[in-house]
């Protein structure tokens, strides 16, 4: 049997046109639980870090600070 483990450094979560900053925070929190650290936003409606932080909690803000924001795919 081969190695079935996934290298999480090769995994990113991409949100396309997220509307609510709280949803971005909730995704960051879920990512932290799964040990995934790369978050990519495409054309987000609102990137209010205070509102993101309410859902992300301080434990997940490293993901928020490193997230990449792009205008389009």
N, C-alpha and C. Protein backbone atom coordinates (compact mmCIF):
# COMPACT_ATOMS: atom_id res chain seq x y z
N UNK A 1 0.83 -1.18 0.00
CA UNK A 1 0.00 0.00 0.00
C UNK A 1 0.87 1.24 0.00
N UNK A 2 0.44 2.25 -0.74
CA UNK A 2 1.16 3.52 -0.79
C UNK A 2 0.79 4.42 0.37
N UNK A 3 1.44 5.54 0.42
CA UNK A 3 1.18 6.53 1.46
C UNK A 3 -0.10 7.29 1.10
N UNK A 4 -1.14 7.16 1.94
CA UNK A 4 -2.43 7.80 1.67
C UNK A 4 -2.55 9.19 2.29
N UNK A 5 -1.51 9.67 2.91
CA UNK A 5 -1.56 10.97 3.56
C UNK A 5 -1.46 12.09 2.52
N UNK A 6 -2.20 13.15 2.75
CA UNK A 6 -2.20 14.30 1.87
C UNK A 6 -1.26 15.35 2.43
N UNK A 7 -0.43 15.91 1.58
CA UNK A 7 0.44 17.01 2.00
C UNK A 7 -0.41 18.28 2.01
N UNK A 8 -0.79 18.74 3.18
CA UNK A 8 -1.69 19.89 3.30
C UNK A 8 -1.08 21.18 2.78
N UNK A 9 0.22 21.21 2.60
CA UNK A 9 0.86 22.39 2.00
C UNK A 9 0.43 22.57 0.55
N UNK A 10 -0.04 21.50 -0.07
CA UNK A 10 -0.49 21.54 -1.47
C UNK A 10 -1.99 21.79 -1.59
N UNK A 11 -2.66 22.04 -0.47
CA UNK A 11 -4.11 22.22 -0.47
C UNK A 11 -4.43 23.67 -0.13
N UNK A 12 -5.37 24.25 -0.88
CA UNK A 12 -5.87 25.59 -0.59
C UNK A 12 -7.38 25.56 -0.70
N UNK A 13 -8.02 26.41 0.08
CA UNK A 13 -9.46 26.59 -0.01
C UNK A 13 -9.71 27.90 -0.75
N UNK A 14 -10.57 27.86 -1.76
CA UNK A 14 -10.87 29.04 -2.56
C UNK A 14 -12.35 29.37 -2.42
N UNK A 15 -12.63 30.60 -2.06
CA UNK A 15 -14.00 31.10 -2.00
C UNK A 15 -14.18 32.10 -3.13
N UNK A 16 -15.16 31.87 -3.97
CA UNK A 16 -15.43 32.75 -5.11
C UNK A 16 -16.63 33.63 -4.77
N UNK A 17 -16.39 34.92 -4.77
CA UNK A 17 -17.40 35.94 -4.49
C UNK A 17 -18.14 35.72 -3.18
N UNK A 18 -17.40 35.51 -2.08
CA UNK A 18 -18.09 35.39 -0.79
C UNK A 18 -18.76 36.72 -0.45
N UNK A 19 -19.96 36.66 0.10
CA UNK A 19 -20.72 37.88 0.37
C UNK A 19 -20.50 38.41 1.77
N UNK A 20 -20.41 37.54 2.76
CA UNK A 20 -20.32 37.98 4.15
C UNK A 20 -18.95 37.72 4.75
N UNK A 21 -18.37 38.71 5.41
CA UNK A 21 -17.08 38.50 6.06
C UNK A 21 -17.15 37.40 7.12
N UNK A 22 -18.29 37.26 7.77
CA UNK A 22 -18.43 36.22 8.79
C UNK A 22 -18.27 34.83 8.18
N UNK A 23 -18.70 34.64 6.95
CA UNK A 23 -18.51 33.35 6.28
C UNK A 23 -17.04 33.07 6.04
N UNK A 24 -16.27 34.10 5.70
CA UNK A 24 -14.83 33.94 5.52
C UNK A 24 -14.20 33.50 6.84
N UNK A 25 -14.62 34.12 7.94
CA UNK A 25 -14.11 33.74 9.26
C UNK A 25 -14.47 32.32 9.63
N UNK A 26 -15.69 31.91 9.33
CA UNK A 26 -16.11 30.54 9.63
C UNK A 26 -15.30 29.52 8.83
N UNK A 27 -15.01 29.85 7.58
CA UNK A 27 -14.18 28.97 6.75
C UNK A 27 -12.77 28.89 7.32
N UNK A 28 -12.22 30.01 7.75
CA UNK A 28 -10.88 30.01 8.36
C UNK A 28 -10.86 29.12 9.59
N UNK A 29 -11.90 29.17 10.39
CA UNK A 29 -11.97 28.33 11.60
C UNK A 29 -12.03 26.85 11.22
N UNK A 30 -12.83 26.51 10.22
CA UNK A 30 -12.90 25.11 9.77
C UNK A 30 -11.56 24.66 9.20
N UNK A 31 -10.91 25.56 8.47
CA UNK A 31 -9.60 25.22 7.91
C UNK A 31 -8.59 24.91 9.01
N UNK A 32 -8.61 25.70 10.06
CA UNK A 32 -7.67 25.49 11.17
C UNK A 32 -7.91 24.12 11.79
N UNK A 33 -9.18 23.73 11.91
CA UNK A 33 -9.51 22.41 12.46
C UNK A 33 -8.97 21.28 11.60
N UNK A 34 -8.84 21.52 10.29
CA UNK A 34 -8.35 20.50 9.37
C UNK A 34 -6.88 20.67 9.04
N UNK A 35 -6.23 21.65 9.69
CA UNK A 35 -4.81 21.92 9.48
C UNK A 35 -4.51 22.31 8.03
N UNK A 36 -5.40 23.13 7.45
CA UNK A 36 -5.20 23.68 6.11
C UNK A 36 -4.95 25.17 6.29
N UNK A 37 -3.90 25.69 5.69
CA UNK A 37 -3.50 27.06 5.98
C UNK A 37 -3.62 28.07 4.86
N UNK A 38 -3.99 27.63 3.66
CA UNK A 38 -4.03 28.58 2.52
C UNK A 38 -5.46 28.88 2.13
N UNK A 39 -5.84 30.16 2.26
CA UNK A 39 -7.17 30.62 1.91
C UNK A 39 -7.05 31.63 0.77
N UNK A 40 -7.83 31.42 -0.29
CA UNK A 40 -7.82 32.30 -1.45
C UNK A 40 -9.23 32.84 -1.64
N UNK A 41 -9.36 34.15 -1.75
CA UNK A 41 -10.64 34.79 -2.02
C UNK A 41 -10.62 35.36 -3.42
N UNK A 42 -11.70 35.15 -4.15
CA UNK A 42 -11.83 35.70 -5.49
C UNK A 42 -13.02 36.66 -5.47
N UNK A 43 -12.73 37.92 -5.73
CA UNK A 43 -13.75 38.97 -5.83
C UNK A 43 -14.70 38.97 -4.63
N UNK A 44 -14.16 39.08 -3.41
CA UNK A 44 -15.05 39.11 -2.25
C UNK A 44 -15.84 40.41 -2.19
N UNK A 45 -17.06 40.34 -1.68
CA UNK A 45 -17.91 41.53 -1.56
C UNK A 45 -17.42 42.44 -0.44
N UNK A 46 -16.93 41.84 0.67
CA UNK A 46 -16.56 42.61 1.84
C UNK A 46 -15.49 41.85 2.61
N UNK A 47 -14.36 42.49 2.84
CA UNK A 47 -13.26 41.85 3.57
C UNK A 47 -12.99 42.64 4.85
N UNK A 48 -14.04 42.86 5.62
CA UNK A 48 -13.95 43.59 6.88
C UNK A 48 -13.30 42.66 7.92
N UNK A 49 -12.04 42.93 8.25
CA UNK A 49 -11.29 42.02 9.12
C UNK A 49 -11.91 41.91 10.51
N UNK A 50 -12.53 42.96 11.02
CA UNK A 50 -13.19 42.88 12.33
C UNK A 50 -14.34 41.88 12.30
N UNK A 51 -15.13 41.92 11.25
CA UNK A 51 -16.25 40.98 11.12
C UNK A 51 -15.75 39.56 10.85
N UNK A 52 -14.67 39.44 10.09
CA UNK A 52 -14.07 38.12 9.86
C UNK A 52 -13.60 37.53 11.18
N UNK A 53 -12.95 38.37 11.99
CA UNK A 53 -12.36 37.92 13.26
C UNK A 53 -13.41 37.41 14.24
N UNK A 54 -14.63 37.93 14.17
CA UNK A 54 -15.68 37.47 15.08
C UNK A 54 -15.96 35.98 14.91
N UNK A 55 -15.87 35.50 13.69
CA UNK A 55 -16.13 34.08 13.43
C UNK A 55 -14.84 33.26 13.43
N UNK A 56 -13.73 33.86 13.03
CA UNK A 56 -12.48 33.11 12.92
C UNK A 56 -11.89 32.84 14.29
N UNK A 57 -12.10 33.68 15.24
CA UNK A 57 -11.46 33.67 16.56
C UNK A 57 -9.96 33.94 16.42
N UNK A 58 -9.35 34.33 17.50
CA UNK A 58 -7.93 34.72 17.46
C UNK A 58 -7.03 33.56 17.04
N UNK A 59 -7.44 32.35 17.33
CA UNK A 59 -6.63 31.16 16.99
C UNK A 59 -6.47 30.99 15.49
N UNK A 60 -7.38 31.53 14.70
CA UNK A 60 -7.38 31.32 13.26
C UNK A 60 -6.94 32.55 12.46
N UNK A 61 -6.59 33.61 13.15
CA UNK A 61 -6.27 34.85 12.44
C UNK A 61 -4.99 34.74 11.61
N UNK A 62 -4.15 33.76 11.89
CA UNK A 62 -2.97 33.58 11.04
C UNK A 62 -3.40 33.24 9.61
N UNK A 63 -4.44 32.47 9.47
CA UNK A 63 -4.96 32.13 8.14
C UNK A 63 -5.51 33.38 7.47
N UNK A 64 -6.25 34.19 8.21
CA UNK A 64 -6.83 35.42 7.67
C UNK A 64 -5.74 36.39 7.23
N UNK A 65 -4.71 36.53 8.04
CA UNK A 65 -3.62 37.46 7.69
C UNK A 65 -2.86 37.02 6.44
N UNK A 66 -2.81 35.71 6.18
CA UNK A 66 -2.08 35.20 5.02
C UNK A 66 -2.95 35.01 3.78
N UNK A 67 -4.27 35.20 3.91
CA UNK A 67 -5.14 34.92 2.76
C UNK A 67 -4.79 35.82 1.59
N UNK A 68 -4.97 35.28 0.42
CA UNK A 68 -4.73 36.01 -0.83
C UNK A 68 -6.08 36.43 -1.41
N UNK A 69 -6.13 37.67 -1.90
CA UNK A 69 -7.36 38.19 -2.49
C UNK A 69 -7.08 38.54 -3.95
N UNK A 70 -7.93 38.02 -4.84
CA UNK A 70 -7.78 38.26 -6.28
C UNK A 70 -9.09 38.81 -6.84
N UNK A 71 -8.98 39.61 -7.90
CA UNK A 71 -10.16 40.18 -8.54
C UNK A 71 -10.94 39.15 -9.36
N UNK A 72 -10.22 38.20 -9.96
CA UNK A 72 -10.87 37.17 -10.76
C UNK A 72 -10.03 35.90 -10.77
N UNK A 73 -10.59 34.85 -11.33
CA UNK A 73 -9.88 33.58 -11.39
C UNK A 73 -8.68 33.69 -12.30
